[in-house]
Amino acid sequence: MIRKEDLIAFEKEVAHRYDAGEIHAPIHLGSGNEDQLLEIFKNISPDDWKLCTWRNHLHALLSGIPPDELMRQILAGRSMYVNSPEHCFYASSIAGGILPIAVGLGMAIKRRGESRKVWCFCGDMAAEMGVFYESVKYADNFDLPIRFMIEDNSQSVLTPTEAAWGCINYKRNEWPAVRRYKYKLSWPHYGTGKEQKGF
């Protein structure tokens, strides 16, 4: 069973290896939401699909991807789009890109009569995009087995989300398939805040 301490230690190791110049690609470290994720993943089956954004290391570990396999993908430059069909895990570096994929997976699951679900994690920036509304509306109208989890750190990249979009429409929380939790990210948006060795 993975613990909060394990999640924190893994991200610190990624940061160390990034600062040492071992990772020659962007990284987006996760932090501040370990407790929320541990609670959410209590309800997620190994057979459920988990879709995430570029900040996905914690989700990948909680999905059962072994730490050494995850680190191998990160060292190979795939931090922002970790994938493992074996663990029903898919991440994308495209803002909002996972949302319509979640809808397609949900439709396939429903048509096959399966009991599994899709858990689609997105940030508060993506939750303001048109593709979010279209995906949630479609999933709601067709009663698809999807849970949209908004991970709200109040940032749209480096701009406060409210300033970037002019306002925040919290009415989306009225949709049964949508859940939101707030957290404060302790790492910078990108990288570790230090200059990498060898660059």
C-alpha atoms as a PDB file:
ATOM      1  CA  MET A   1       0.000   0.000   0.000  1.00  0.00           C
ATOM      2  CA  ILE A   2       1.467   3.320  -1.065  1.00  0.00           C
ATOM      3  CA  ARG A   3       1.642   6.036   1.590  1.00  0.00           C
ATOM      4  CA  LYS A   4       1.724   9.813   1.531  1.00  0.00           C
ATOM      5  CA  GLU A   5       5.406   9.690   2.466  1.00  0.00           C
ATOM      6  CA  ASP A   6       6.103   7.486  -0.572  1.00  0.00           C
ATOM      7  CA  LEU A   7       4.417   9.961  -2.913  1.00  0.00           C
ATOM      8  CA  ILE A   8       6.385  12.882  -1.494  1.00  0.00           C
ATOM      9  CA  ALA A   9       9.676  10.962  -1.594  1.00  0.00           C
ATOM     10  CA  PHE A  10       9.134   9.962  -5.222  1.00  0.00           C
ATOM     11  CA  GLU A  11       8.621  13.551  -6.363  1.00  0.00           C
ATOM     12  CA  LYS A  12      11.697  14.651  -4.418  1.00  0.00           C
ATOM     13  CA  GLU A  13      13.709  11.981  -6.225  1.00  0.00           C
ATOM     14  CA  VAL A  14      12.386  13.189  -9.597  1.00  0.00           C
ATOM     15  CA  ALA A  15      13.338  16.753  -8.630  1.00  0.00           C
ATOM     16  CA  HIS A  16      16.842  15.642  -7.611  1.00  0.00           C
ATOM     17  CA  ARG A  17      17.393  13.776 -10.874  1.00  0.00           C
ATOM     18  CA  TYR A  18      16.002  16.687 -12.881  1.00  0.00           C
ATOM     19  CA  ASP A  19      18.329  19.161 -11.141  1.00  0.00           C
ATOM     20  CA  ALA A  20      21.233  16.776 -11.786  1.00  0.00           C
ATOM     21  CA  GLY A  21      20.514  16.948 -15.533  1.00  0.00           C
ATOM     22  CA  GLU A  22      19.351  13.331 -15.867  1.00  0.00           C
ATOM     23  CA  ILE A  23      15.927  14.296 -17.266  1.00  0.00           C
ATOM     24  CA  HIS A  24      16.123  16.122 -20.593  1.00  0.00           C
ATOM     25  CA  ALA A  25      12.445  17.034 -20.880  1.00  0.00           C
ATOM     26  CA  PRO A  26       9.875  19.105 -18.975  1.00  0.00           C
ATOM     27  CA  ILE A  27       8.551  17.906 -15.619  1.00  0.00           C
ATOM     28  CA  HIS A  28       5.535  19.067 -13.629  1.00  0.00           C
ATOM     29  CA  LEU A  29       5.792  17.877 -10.042  1.00  0.00           C
ATOM     30  CA  GLY A  30       2.777  17.193  -7.856  1.00  0.00           C
ATOM     31  CA  SER A  31       2.368  18.130  -4.215  1.00  0.00           C
ATOM     32  CA  GLY A  32      -0.138  19.385  -1.700  1.00  0.00           C
ATOM     33  CA  ASN A  33      -2.900  17.020  -2.799  1.00  0.00           C
ATOM     34  CA  GLU A  34      -1.552  13.710  -1.514  1.00  0.00           C
ATOM     35  CA  ASP A  35      -4.256  13.352   1.137  1.00  0.00           C
ATOM     36  CA  GLN A  36      -7.063  14.093  -1.326  1.00  0.00           C
ATOM     37  CA  LEU A  37      -5.704  11.646  -3.882  1.00  0.00           C
ATOM     38  CA  LEU A  38      -5.226   8.884  -1.336  1.00  0.00           C
ATOM     39  CA  GLU A  39      -8.874   9.311  -0.317  1.00  0.00           C
ATOM     40  CA  ILE A  40     -10.163   9.416  -3.918  1.00  0.00           C
ATOM     41  CA  PHE A  41      -8.197   6.336  -4.960  1.00  0.00           C
ATOM     42  CA  LYS A  42      -9.896   4.301  -2.220  1.00  0.00           C
ATOM     43  CA  ASN A  43     -12.912   4.317  -4.560  1.00  0.00           C
ATOM     44  CA  ILE A  44     -11.011   3.538  -7.756  1.00  0.00           C
ATOM     45  CA  SER A  45     -10.773  -0.040  -8.974  1.00  0.00           C
ATOM     46  CA  PRO A  46      -7.604  -1.293 -10.707  1.00  0.00           C
ATOM     47  CA  ASP A  47      -9.811  -1.984 -13.750  1.00  0.00           C
ATOM     48  CA  ASP A  48     -11.099   1.589 -13.874  1.00  0.00           C
ATOM     49  CA  TRP A  49      -9.492   3.961 -16.363  1.00  0.00           C
ATOM     50  CA  LYS A  50      -7.522   6.849 -14.892  1.00  0.00           C
ATOM     51  CA  LEU A  51      -6.878   9.834 -17.167  1.00  0.00           C
ATOM     52  CA  CYS A  52      -4.650  12.691 -16.042  1.00  0.00           C
ATOM     53  CA  THR A  53      -2.858  15.837 -17.103  1.00  0.00           C
ATOM     54  CA  TRP A  54       0.860  16.592 -17.344  1.00  0.00           C
ATOM     55  CA  ARG A  55       1.044  16.619 -13.511  1.00  0.00           C
ATOM     56  CA  ASN A  56       0.430  12.887 -13.169  1.00  0.00           C
ATOM     57  CA  HIS A  57       3.184  11.144 -11.165  1.00  0.00           C
ATOM     58  CA  LEU A  58       1.141  10.766  -7.974  1.00  0.00           C
ATOM     59  CA  HIS A  59      -1.853   9.428  -9.902  1.00  0.00           C
ATOM     60  CA  ALA A  60       0.373   6.967 -11.745  1.00  0.00           C
ATOM     61  CA  LEU A  61       1.798   5.584  -8.507  1.00  0.00           C
ATOM     62  CA  LEU A  62      -1.673   5.298  -6.978  1.00  0.00           C
ATOM     63  CA  SER A  63      -2.826   3.494 -10.130  1.00  0.00           C
ATOM     64  CA  GLY A  64      -0.297   0.762  -9.423  1.00  0.00           C
ATOM     65  CA  ILE A  65       2.460   1.687 -11.856  1.00  0.00           C
ATOM     66  CA  PRO A  66       5.657   0.485 -10.118  1.00  0.00           C
ATOM     67  CA  PRO A  67       7.954   3.349  -9.058  1.00  0.00           C
ATOM     68  CA  ASP A  68      10.888   2.000 -11.093  1.00  0.00           C
ATOM     69  CA  GLU A  69       8.745   1.760 -14.244  1.00  0.00           C
ATOM     70  CA  LEU A  70       7.392   5.268 -13.681  1.00  0.00           C
ATOM     71  CA  MET A  71      10.891   6.637 -13.138  1.00  0.00           C
ATOM     72  CA  ARG A  72      12.045   4.908 -16.328  1.00  0.00           C
ATOM     73  CA  GLN A  73       9.328   6.722 -18.304  1.00  0.00           C
ATOM     74  CA  ILE A  74      10.231  10.041 -16.671  1.00  0.00           C
ATOM     75  CA  LEU A  75      13.955   9.597 -17.388  1.00  0.00           C
ATOM     76  CA  ALA A  76      13.022   8.809 -21.002  1.00  0.00           C
ATOM     77  CA  GLY A  77      11.336  12.218 -21.244  1.00  0.00           C
ATOM     78  CA  ARG A  78       7.719  11.089 -20.841  1.00  0.00           C
ATOM     79  CA  SER A  79       6.923  12.810 -17.540  1.00  0.00           C
ATOM     80  CA  MET A  80       4.096  14.807 -19.103  1.00  0.00           C
ATOM     81  CA  TYR A  81       2.447  11.844 -20.841  1.00  0.00           C
ATOM     82  CA  VAL A  82       2.982   8.736 -18.748  1.00  0.00           C
ATOM     83  CA  ASN A  83       0.960   5.818 -20.086  1.00  0.00           C
ATOM     84  CA  SER A  84       0.349   2.223 -19.039  1.00  0.00           C
ATOM     85  CA  PRO A  85      -2.414   0.188 -20.717  1.00  0.00           C
ATOM     86  CA  GLU A  86      -1.732  -2.578 -18.182  1.00  0.00           C
ATOM     87  CA  HIS A  87      -2.753  -0.208 -15.373  1.00  0.00           C
ATOM     88  CA  CYS A  88      -5.538   1.498 -17.366  1.00  0.00           C
ATOM     89  CA  PHE A  89      -3.649   4.766 -17.112  1.00  0.00           C
ATOM     90  CA  TYR A  90      -3.336   7.528 -19.697  1.00  0.00           C
ATOM     91  CA  ALA A  91      -1.930  11.046 -19.348  1.00  0.00           C
ATOM     92  CA  SER A  92      -1.622  13.867 -21.846  1.00  0.00           C
ATOM     93  CA  SER A  93       0.272  17.140 -21.967  1.00  0.00           C
ATOM     94  CA  ILE A  94      -2.493  18.746 -24.061  1.00  0.00           C
ATOM     95  CA  ALA A  95      -4.697  21.010 -21.935  1.00  0.00           C
ATOM     96  CA  GLY A  96      -8.165  19.454 -21.945  1.00  0.00           C
ATOM     97  CA  GLY A  97      -7.014  16.697 -24.299  1.00  0.00           C
ATOM     98  CA  ILE A  98      -8.031  13.854 -22.009  1.00  0.00           C
ATOM     99  CA  LEU A  99     -11.638  15.036 -21.650  1.00  0.00           C
ATOM    100  CA  PRO A 100     -13.058  13.760 -24.973  1.00  0.00           C
ATOM    101  CA  ILE A 101     -10.968  10.597 -24.612  1.00  0.00           C
ATOM    102  CA  ALA A 102     -12.704   9.987 -21.278  1.00  0.00           C
ATOM    103  CA  VAL A 103     -16.068  10.350 -23.028  1.00  0.00           C
ATOM    104  CA  GLY A 104     -15.069   7.790 -25.657  1.00  0.00           C
ATOM    105  CA  LEU A 105     -13.899   5.332 -23.005  1.00  0.00           C
ATOM    106  CA  GLY A 106     -17.094   5.866 -21.013  1.00  0.00           C
ATOM    107  CA  MET A 107     -19.247   5.210 -24.069  1.00  0.00           C
ATOM    108  CA  ALA A 108     -17.313   2.025 -24.871  1.00  0.00           C
ATOM    109  CA  ILE A 109     -17.691   0.766 -21.304  1.00  0.00           C
ATOM    110  CA  LYS A 110     -21.434   1.425 -21.355  1.00  0.00           C
ATOM    111  CA  ARG A 111     -21.956  -0.264 -24.721  1.00  0.00           C
ATOM    112  CA  ARG A 112     -20.080  -3.332 -23.516  1.00  0.00           C
ATOM    113  CA  GLY A 113     -22.113  -3.490 -20.321  1.00  0.00           C
ATOM    114  CA  GLU A 114     -18.988  -3.387 -18.152  1.00  0.00           C
ATOM    115  CA  SER A 115     -18.994  -2.286 -14.509  1.00  0.00           C
ATOM    116  CA  ARG A 116     -15.741  -0.319 -14.641  1.00  0.00           C
ATOM    117  CA  LYS A 117     -15.558   3.489 -14.553  1.00  0.00           C
ATOM    118  CA  VAL A 118     -13.474   6.320 -15.988  1.00  0.00           C
ATOM    119  CA  TRP A 119     -11.842   8.799 -13.624  1.00  0.00           C
ATOM    120  CA  CYS A 120     -10.787  11.946 -15.467  1.00  0.00           C
ATOM    121  CA  PHE A 121      -8.549  14.319 -13.502  1.00  0.00           C
ATOM    122  CA  CYS A 122      -8.176  17.850 -14.872  1.00  0.00           C
ATOM    123  CA  GLY A 123      -7.049  21.192 -13.533  1.00  0.00           C
ATOM    124  CA  ASP A 124      -9.152  24.265 -12.903  1.00  0.00           C
ATOM    125  CA  MET A 125      -7.752  25.817 -16.090  1.00  0.00           C
ATOM    126  CA  ALA A 126      -9.087  22.971 -18.258  1.00  0.00           C
ATOM    127  CA  ALA A 127     -12.381  23.111 -16.344  1.00  0.00           C
ATOM    128  CA  GLU A 128     -12.959  26.569 -17.840  1.00  0.00           C
ATOM    129  CA  MET A 129     -12.480  25.369 -21.429  1.00  0.00           C
ATOM    130  CA  GLY A 130     -15.298  24.617 -23.833  1.00  0.00           C
ATOM    131  CA  VAL A 131     -14.195  21.009 -24.223  1.00  0.00           C
ATOM    132  CA  PHE A 132     -14.849  20.497 -20.501  1.00  0.00           C
ATOM    133  CA  TYR A 133     -18.467  21.617 -20.785  1.00  0.00           C
ATOM    134  CA  GLU A 134     -19.058  19.581 -23.929  1.00  0.00           C
ATOM    135  CA  SER A 135     -17.543  16.447 -22.397  1.00  0.00           C
ATOM    136  CA  VAL A 136     -19.406  16.728 -19.103  1.00  0.00           C
ATOM    137  CA  LYS A 137     -22.709  17.531 -20.817  1.00  0.00           C
ATOM    138  CA  TYR A 138     -22.348  14.537 -23.140  1.00  0.00           C
ATOM    139  CA  ALA A 139     -21.406  12.227 -20.273  1.00  0.00           C
ATOM    140  CA  ASP A 140     -24.338  13.510 -18.209  1.00  0.00           C
ATOM    141  CA  ASN A 141     -26.888  13.272 -21.044  1.00  0.00           C
ATOM    142  CA  PHE A 142     -25.879   9.713 -21.910  1.00  0.00           C
ATOM    143  CA  ASP A 143     -25.335   8.603 -18.297  1.00  0.00           C
ATOM    144  CA  LEU A 144     -21.766   7.511 -18.914  1.00  0.00           C
ATOM    145  CA  PRO A 145     -19.690   5.945 -16.098  1.00  0.00           C
ATOM    146  CA  ILE A 146     -17.298   8.889 -15.758  1.00  0.00           C
ATOM    147  CA  ARG A 147     -16.197  10.985 -12.785  1.00  0.00           C
ATOM    148  CA  PHE A 148     -14.595  14.310 -13.652  1.00  0.00           C
ATOM    149  CA  MET A 149     -12.254  15.393 -10.860  1.00  0.00           C
ATOM    150  CA  ILE A 150     -11.259  19.068 -10.934  1.00  0.00           C
ATOM    151  CA  GLU A 151      -7.935  19.546  -9.166  1.00  0.00           C
ATOM    152  CA  ASP A 152      -8.108  23.220  -8.300  1.00  0.00           C
ATOM    153  CA  ASN A 153      -4.822  24.927  -7.455  1.00  0.00           C
ATOM    154  CA  SER A 154      -6.243  28.315  -8.595  1.00  0.00           C
ATOM    155  CA  GLN A 155      -3.683  28.568 -11.392  1.00  0.00           C
ATOM    156  CA  SER A 156      -3.970  28.577 -15.182  1.00  0.00           C
ATOM    157  CA  VAL A 157      -0.309  27.819 -15.819  1.00  0.00           C
ATOM    158  CA  LEU A 158       1.284  30.914 -14.200  1.00  0.00           C
ATOM    159  CA  THR A 159      -1.808  33.160 -14.038  1.00  0.00           C
ATOM    160  CA  PRO A 160      -4.504  32.963 -11.355  1.00  0.00           C
ATOM    161  CA  THR A 161      -7.427  31.145 -12.965  1.00  0.00           C
ATOM    162  CA  GLU A 162      -9.933  33.824 -12.047  1.00  0.00           C
ATOM    163  CA  ALA A 163      -7.757  36.511 -13.695  1.00  0.00           C
ATOM    164  CA  ALA A 164      -7.143  34.356 -16.784  1.00  0.00           C
ATOM    165  CA  TRP A 165     -10.830  33.674 -17.433  1.00  0.00           C
ATOM    166  CA  GLY A 166     -12.478  36.747 -15.906  1.00  0.00           C
ATOM    167  CA  CYS A 167     -14.589  34.703 -13.502  1.00  0.00           C
ATOM    168  CA  ILE A 168     -15.114  31.166 -12.274  1.00  0.00           C
ATOM    169  CA  ASN A 169     -18.398  29.408 -12.953  1.00  0.00           C
ATOM    170  CA  TYR A 170     -18.970  27.205  -9.920  1.00  0.00           C
ATOM    171  CA  LYS A 171     -22.359  26.044 -11.236  1.00  0.00           C
ATOM    172  CA  ARG A 172     -20.520  23.134 -12.839  1.00  0.00           C
ATOM    173  CA  ASN A 173     -20.463  21.545  -9.382  1.00  0.00           C
ATOM    174  CA  GLU A 174     -24.189  20.904  -9.815  1.00  0.00           C
ATOM    175  CA  TRP A 175     -23.396  18.144 -12.306  1.00  0.00           C
ATOM    176  CA  PRO A 176     -23.439  14.771 -10.506  1.00  0.00           C
ATOM    177  CA  ALA A 177     -20.383  13.512 -12.404  1.00  0.00           C
ATOM    178  CA  VAL A 178     -18.176  16.465 -11.383  1.00  0.00           C
ATOM    179  CA  ARG A 179     -16.203  16.798  -8.169  1.00  0.00           C
ATOM    180  CA  ARG A 180     -13.748  19.549  -7.225  1.00  0.00           C
ATOM    181  CA  TYR A 181     -11.101  19.772  -4.571  1.00  0.00           C
ATOM    182  CA  LYS A 182      -8.782  22.671  -3.825  1.00  0.00           C
ATOM    183  CA  TYR A 183      -5.111  22.400  -2.945  1.00  0.00           C
ATOM    184  CA  LYS A 184      -1.932  24.478  -2.883  1.00  0.00           C
ATOM    185  CA  LEU A 185       0.938  23.327  -5.067  1.00  0.00           C
ATOM    186  CA  SER A 186       4.295  23.677  -3.310  1.00  0.00           C
ATOM    187  CA  TRP A 187       6.456  23.049  -6.401  1.00  0.00           C
ATOM    188  CA  PRO A 188       6.770  25.617  -9.211  1.00  0.00           C
ATOM    189  CA  HIS A 189       4.416  25.114 -12.166  1.00  0.00           C
ATOM    190  CA  TYR A 190       7.304  23.717 -14.186  1.00  0.00           C
ATOM    191  CA  GLY A 191      10.634  22.257 -13.086  1.00  0.00           C
ATOM    192  CA  THR A 192      12.012  22.692  -9.578  1.00  0.00           C
ATOM    193  CA  GLY A 193      12.928  26.374  -9.500  1.00  0.00           C
ATOM    194  CA  LYS A 194      16.623  25.539  -9.869  1.00  0.00           C
ATOM    195  CA  GLU A 195      18.863  25.604 -12.909  1.00  0.00           C
ATOM    196  CA  GLN A 196      19.627  22.167 -14.278  1.00  0.00           C
ATOM    197  CA  LYS A 197      23.216  20.950 -14.432  1.00  0.00           C
ATOM    198  CA  GLY A 198      24.636  20.626 -17.904  1.00  0.00           C
ATOM    199  CA  PHE A 199      22.310  23.194 -19.513  1.00  0.00           C
END
